[in-house]
Amino acid sequence: MNGNLEKKVTCYQVKVMGLGRAVIAEMRVEILEGGVKIASSKYSNMYYPSSDWSQADPLVQKVCSVVFEYAEEESTRFNRGDDVQ
């Protein structure tokens, strides 16, 4: 091994919980030495409409934006008494 360490973080799955109540990003961290994986771990990040997802994976940012915008529109329509589809 040449001692050249690299950290690789990948979002491998995004889940939407409830009707826009939360987004869960399933993440994988790999530590590579000279291009060879020597360690890995998985974790989850949960985002809510009030969360700051500006530093999240670009895919997570897009999903949060769409999901939470839709949920806000539906909530507004419901509160006005409009028919919710």
N, C-alpha and C. Protein backbone atom coordinates (compact mmCIF):
# COMPACT_ATOMS: atom_id res chain seq x y z
N MET A 1 0.85 -1.18 0.00
CA MET A 1 0.00 0.00 0.00
C MET A 1 0.89 1.24 0.00
N ASN A 2 0.45 2.25 -0.74
CA ASN A 2 1.29 3.44 -0.89
C ASN A 2 0.96 4.55 0.10
N GLY A 3 -0.01 4.36 0.99
CA GLY A 3 -0.34 5.35 2.00
C GLY A 3 -1.21 6.49 1.51
N ASN A 4 -1.62 6.46 0.26
CA ASN A 4 -2.48 7.50 -0.30
C ASN A 4 -3.94 7.19 0.04
N LEU A 5 -4.48 7.88 1.07
CA LEU A 5 -5.85 7.61 1.51
C LEU A 5 -6.83 8.53 0.82
N GLU A 6 -7.99 7.96 0.50
CA GLU A 6 -9.06 8.73 -0.14
C GLU A 6 -10.38 8.37 0.54
N LYS A 7 -11.20 9.37 0.79
CA LYS A 7 -12.53 9.15 1.36
C LYS A 7 -13.56 9.39 0.25
N LYS A 8 -14.44 8.41 0.07
CA LYS A 8 -15.46 8.50 -0.98
C LYS A 8 -16.83 8.37 -0.32
N VAL A 9 -17.68 9.41 -0.48
CA VAL A 9 -19.02 9.41 0.10
C VAL A 9 -20.02 9.34 -1.05
N THR A 10 -20.94 8.38 -0.98
CA THR A 10 -21.91 8.16 -2.04
C THR A 10 -23.32 8.08 -1.45
N CYS A 11 -24.25 8.77 -2.09
CA CYS A 11 -25.66 8.62 -1.74
C CYS A 11 -26.20 7.50 -2.62
N TYR A 12 -26.60 6.39 -2.02
CA TYR A 12 -27.03 5.25 -2.82
C TYR A 12 -28.55 5.05 -2.83
N GLN A 13 -29.27 5.78 -1.97
CA GLN A 13 -30.73 5.66 -1.97
C GLN A 13 -31.34 6.89 -1.30
N VAL A 14 -32.46 7.37 -1.86
CA VAL A 14 -33.20 8.48 -1.28
C VAL A 14 -34.64 8.01 -1.10
N LYS A 15 -35.17 8.18 0.11
CA LYS A 15 -36.54 7.76 0.41
C LYS A 15 -37.36 8.97 0.83
N VAL A 16 -38.62 9.00 0.39
CA VAL A 16 -39.56 10.03 0.82
C VAL A 16 -40.52 9.39 1.81
N MET A 17 -40.62 9.99 2.98
CA MET A 17 -41.47 9.45 4.03
C MET A 17 -42.72 10.32 4.17
N GLY A 18 -43.88 9.65 4.24
CA GLY A 18 -45.12 10.41 4.36
C GLY A 18 -45.33 11.26 3.11
N LEU A 19 -46.30 12.08 3.14
CA LEU A 19 -46.56 12.96 1.99
C LEU A 19 -45.73 14.23 2.14
N GLY A 20 -44.44 14.08 1.94
CA GLY A 20 -43.54 15.22 2.02
C GLY A 20 -43.14 15.60 3.42
N ARG A 21 -43.26 14.70 4.36
CA ARG A 21 -42.91 15.02 5.74
C ARG A 21 -41.41 14.92 6.00
N ALA A 22 -40.73 14.00 5.30
CA ALA A 22 -39.29 13.82 5.51
C ALA A 22 -38.66 13.13 4.30
N VAL A 23 -37.37 13.37 4.13
CA VAL A 23 -36.57 12.71 3.11
C VAL A 23 -35.39 12.06 3.83
N ILE A 24 -35.16 10.79 3.52
CA ILE A 24 -34.04 10.07 4.12
C ILE A 24 -33.03 9.77 3.02
N ALA A 25 -31.79 10.16 3.27
CA ALA A 25 -30.69 9.88 2.34
C ALA A 25 -29.83 8.78 2.94
N GLU A 26 -29.73 7.67 2.24
CA GLU A 26 -28.88 6.55 2.66
C GLU A 26 -27.50 6.77 2.05
N MET A 27 -26.50 6.84 2.90
CA MET A 27 -25.15 7.18 2.47
C MET A 27 -24.17 6.04 2.73
N ARG A 28 -23.12 6.00 1.92
CA ARG A 28 -22.05 5.01 2.09
C ARG A 28 -20.72 5.78 2.08
N VAL A 29 -19.87 5.48 3.05
CA VAL A 29 -18.53 6.06 3.11
C VAL A 29 -17.54 4.93 2.89
N GLU A 30 -16.62 5.16 1.97
CA GLU A 30 -15.55 4.18 1.72
C GLU A 30 -14.21 4.87 1.91
N ILE A 31 -13.29 4.17 2.54
CA ILE A 31 -11.92 4.65 2.67
C ILE A 31 -11.08 3.78 1.74
N LEU A 32 -10.40 4.45 0.83
CA LEU A 32 -9.57 3.76 -0.16
C LEU A 32 -8.10 4.08 0.10
N GLU A 33 -7.27 3.08 -0.04
CA GLU A 33 -5.82 3.27 0.03
C GLU A 33 -5.24 2.77 -1.28
N GLY A 34 -4.70 3.71 -2.02
CA GLY A 34 -4.16 3.35 -3.34
C GLY A 34 -5.22 2.78 -4.26
N GLY A 35 -6.46 3.23 -4.12
CA GLY A 35 -7.55 2.77 -4.96
C GLY A 35 -8.22 1.49 -4.48
N VAL A 36 -7.74 0.92 -3.38
CA VAL A 36 -8.28 -0.32 -2.83
C VAL A 36 -9.11 0.02 -1.58
N LYS A 37 -10.35 -0.47 -1.54
CA LYS A 37 -11.21 -0.21 -0.39
C LYS A 37 -10.67 -0.94 0.83
N ILE A 38 -10.42 -0.17 1.90
CA ILE A 38 -9.92 -0.78 3.13
C ILE A 38 -10.95 -0.70 4.26
N ALA A 39 -11.97 0.14 4.09
CA ALA A 39 -13.02 0.24 5.11
C ALA A 39 -14.25 0.87 4.47
N SER A 40 -15.43 0.55 5.02
CA SER A 40 -16.66 1.17 4.54
C SER A 40 -17.68 1.20 5.67
N SER A 41 -18.62 2.11 5.55
CA SER A 41 -19.66 2.26 6.54
C SER A 41 -20.88 2.88 5.87
N LYS A 42 -22.06 2.63 6.45
CA LYS A 42 -23.29 3.21 5.94
C LYS A 42 -23.95 4.02 7.05
N TYR A 43 -24.65 5.09 6.65
CA TYR A 43 -25.40 5.89 7.60
C TYR A 43 -26.54 6.57 6.87
N SER A 44 -27.45 7.15 7.62
CA SER A 44 -28.60 7.84 7.03
C SER A 44 -28.65 9.27 7.54
N ASN A 45 -29.08 10.17 6.67
CA ASN A 45 -29.40 11.54 7.05
C ASN A 45 -30.88 11.75 6.81
N MET A 46 -31.56 12.38 7.76
CA MET A 46 -32.98 12.67 7.60
C MET A 46 -33.16 14.17 7.48
N TYR A 47 -33.96 14.57 6.49
CA TYR A 47 -34.22 15.99 6.24
C TYR A 47 -35.72 16.26 6.35
N TYR A 48 -36.05 17.40 6.94
CA TYR A 48 -37.43 17.86 7.11
C TYR A 48 -37.60 19.17 6.34
N PRO A 49 -38.84 19.62 6.14
CA PRO A 49 -39.02 20.89 5.43
C PRO A 49 -38.23 22.06 6.05
N SER A 50 -38.02 22.02 7.35
CA SER A 50 -37.28 23.10 8.02
C SER A 50 -35.77 22.87 8.04
N SER A 51 -35.30 21.75 7.52
CA SER A 51 -33.86 21.43 7.53
C SER A 51 -33.09 22.25 6.51
N ASP A 52 -31.80 22.41 6.76
CA ASP A 52 -30.90 23.02 5.79
C ASP A 52 -30.23 21.88 5.02
N TRP A 53 -30.62 21.69 3.78
CA TRP A 53 -30.03 20.62 2.96
C TRP A 53 -29.09 21.19 1.90
N SER A 54 -28.66 22.42 2.08
CA SER A 54 -27.81 23.09 1.09
C SER A 54 -26.45 22.41 0.90
N GLN A 55 -25.98 21.67 1.90
CA GLN A 55 -24.69 20.98 1.78
C GLN A 55 -24.86 19.49 1.47
N ALA A 56 -26.09 19.06 1.26
CA ALA A 56 -26.36 17.63 0.98
C ALA A 56 -25.94 17.28 -0.44
N ASP A 57 -25.91 15.99 -0.72
CA ASP A 57 -25.66 15.48 -2.06
C ASP A 57 -26.61 16.17 -3.05
N PRO A 58 -26.15 16.50 -4.26
CA PRO A 58 -27.01 17.20 -5.23
C PRO A 58 -28.34 16.49 -5.50
N LEU A 59 -28.35 15.16 -5.54
CA LEU A 59 -29.60 14.44 -5.74
C LEU A 59 -30.54 14.67 -4.56
N VAL A 60 -30.01 14.65 -3.35
CA VAL A 60 -30.83 14.88 -2.16
C VAL A 60 -31.41 16.29 -2.19
N GLN A 61 -30.61 17.26 -2.60
CA GLN A 61 -31.09 18.64 -2.70
C GLN A 61 -32.28 18.74 -3.66
N LYS A 62 -32.17 18.09 -4.80
CA LYS A 62 -33.26 18.12 -5.79
C LYS A 62 -34.52 17.45 -5.24
N VAL A 63 -34.36 16.28 -4.62
CA VAL A 63 -35.51 15.56 -4.08
C VAL A 63 -36.18 16.40 -2.99
N CYS A 64 -35.39 16.94 -2.07
CA CYS A 64 -35.96 17.77 -0.99
C CYS A 64 -36.72 18.96 -1.57
N SER A 65 -36.15 19.61 -2.54
CA SER A 65 -36.79 20.78 -3.13
C SER A 65 -38.15 20.43 -3.72
N VAL A 66 -38.20 19.37 -4.50
CA VAL A 66 -39.45 18.96 -5.14
C VAL A 66 -40.47 18.48 -4.11
N VAL A 67 -40.05 17.61 -3.22
CA VAL A 67 -40.96 17.00 -2.24
C VAL A 67 -41.53 18.05 -1.30
N PHE A 68 -40.67 18.89 -0.75
CA PHE A 68 -41.15 19.85 0.23
C PHE A 68 -41.95 20.98 -0.41
N GLU A 69 -41.63 21.34 -1.65
CA GLU A 69 -42.44 22.34 -2.36
C GLU A 69 -43.84 21.78 -2.62
N TYR A 70 -43.92 20.53 -3.05
CA TYR A 70 -45.21 19.89 -3.29
C TYR A 70 -46.01 19.81 -2.00
N ALA A 71 -45.37 19.40 -0.90
CA ALA A 71 -46.06 19.27 0.38
C ALA A 71 -46.60 20.61 0.84
N GLU A 72 -45.84 21.67 0.63
CA GLU A 72 -46.28 23.01 1.03
C GLU A 72 -47.48 23.45 0.20
N GLU A 73 -47.44 23.18 -1.11
CA GLU A 73 -48.58 23.52 -1.98
C GLU A 73 -49.83 22.77 -1.55
N GLU A 74 -49.70 21.48 -1.26
CA GLU A 74 -50.85 20.68 -0.85
C GLU A 74 -51.40 21.16 0.49
N SER A 75 -50.51 21.51 1.40
CA SER A 75 -50.93 22.00 2.71
C SER A 75 -51.70 23.32 2.56
N THR A 76 -51.22 24.19 1.70
CA THR A 76 -51.88 25.47 1.46
C THR A 76 -53.26 25.24 0.85
N ARG A 77 -53.34 24.35 -0.13
CA ARG A 77 -54.63 24.05 -0.76
C ARG A 77 -55.60 23.47 0.25
N PHE A 78 -55.12 22.57 1.11
CA PHE A 78 -55.98 21.95 2.11
C PHE A 78 -56.49 23.00 3.10
N ASN A 79 -55.61 23.87 3.55
CA ASN A 79 -55.99 24.89 4.52
C ASN A 79 -56.98 25.90 3.95
N ARG A 80 -56.94 26.10 2.62
CA ARG A 80 -57.90 27.00 1.96
C ARG A 80 -59.24 26.30 1.72
N GLY A 81 -59.25 24.97 1.84
CA GLY A 81 -60.48 24.21 1.60
C GLY A 81 -60.63 23.75 0.17
N ASP A 82 -59.57 23.89 -0.65
CA ASP A 82 -59.61 23.40 -2.01
C ASP A 82 -59.66 21.88 -2.00
N ASP A 83 -60.13 21.30 -3.10
CA ASP A 83 -60.09 19.85 -3.23
C ASP A 83 -58.64 19.42 -3.35
N VAL A 84 -58.22 18.51 -2.49
CA VAL A 84 -56.86 17.99 -2.54
C VAL A 84 -56.90 16.69 -3.31
N GLN A 85 -56.09 16.60 -4.34
CA GLN A 85 -56.06 15.41 -5.19
C GLN A 85 -55.16 14.37 -4.59
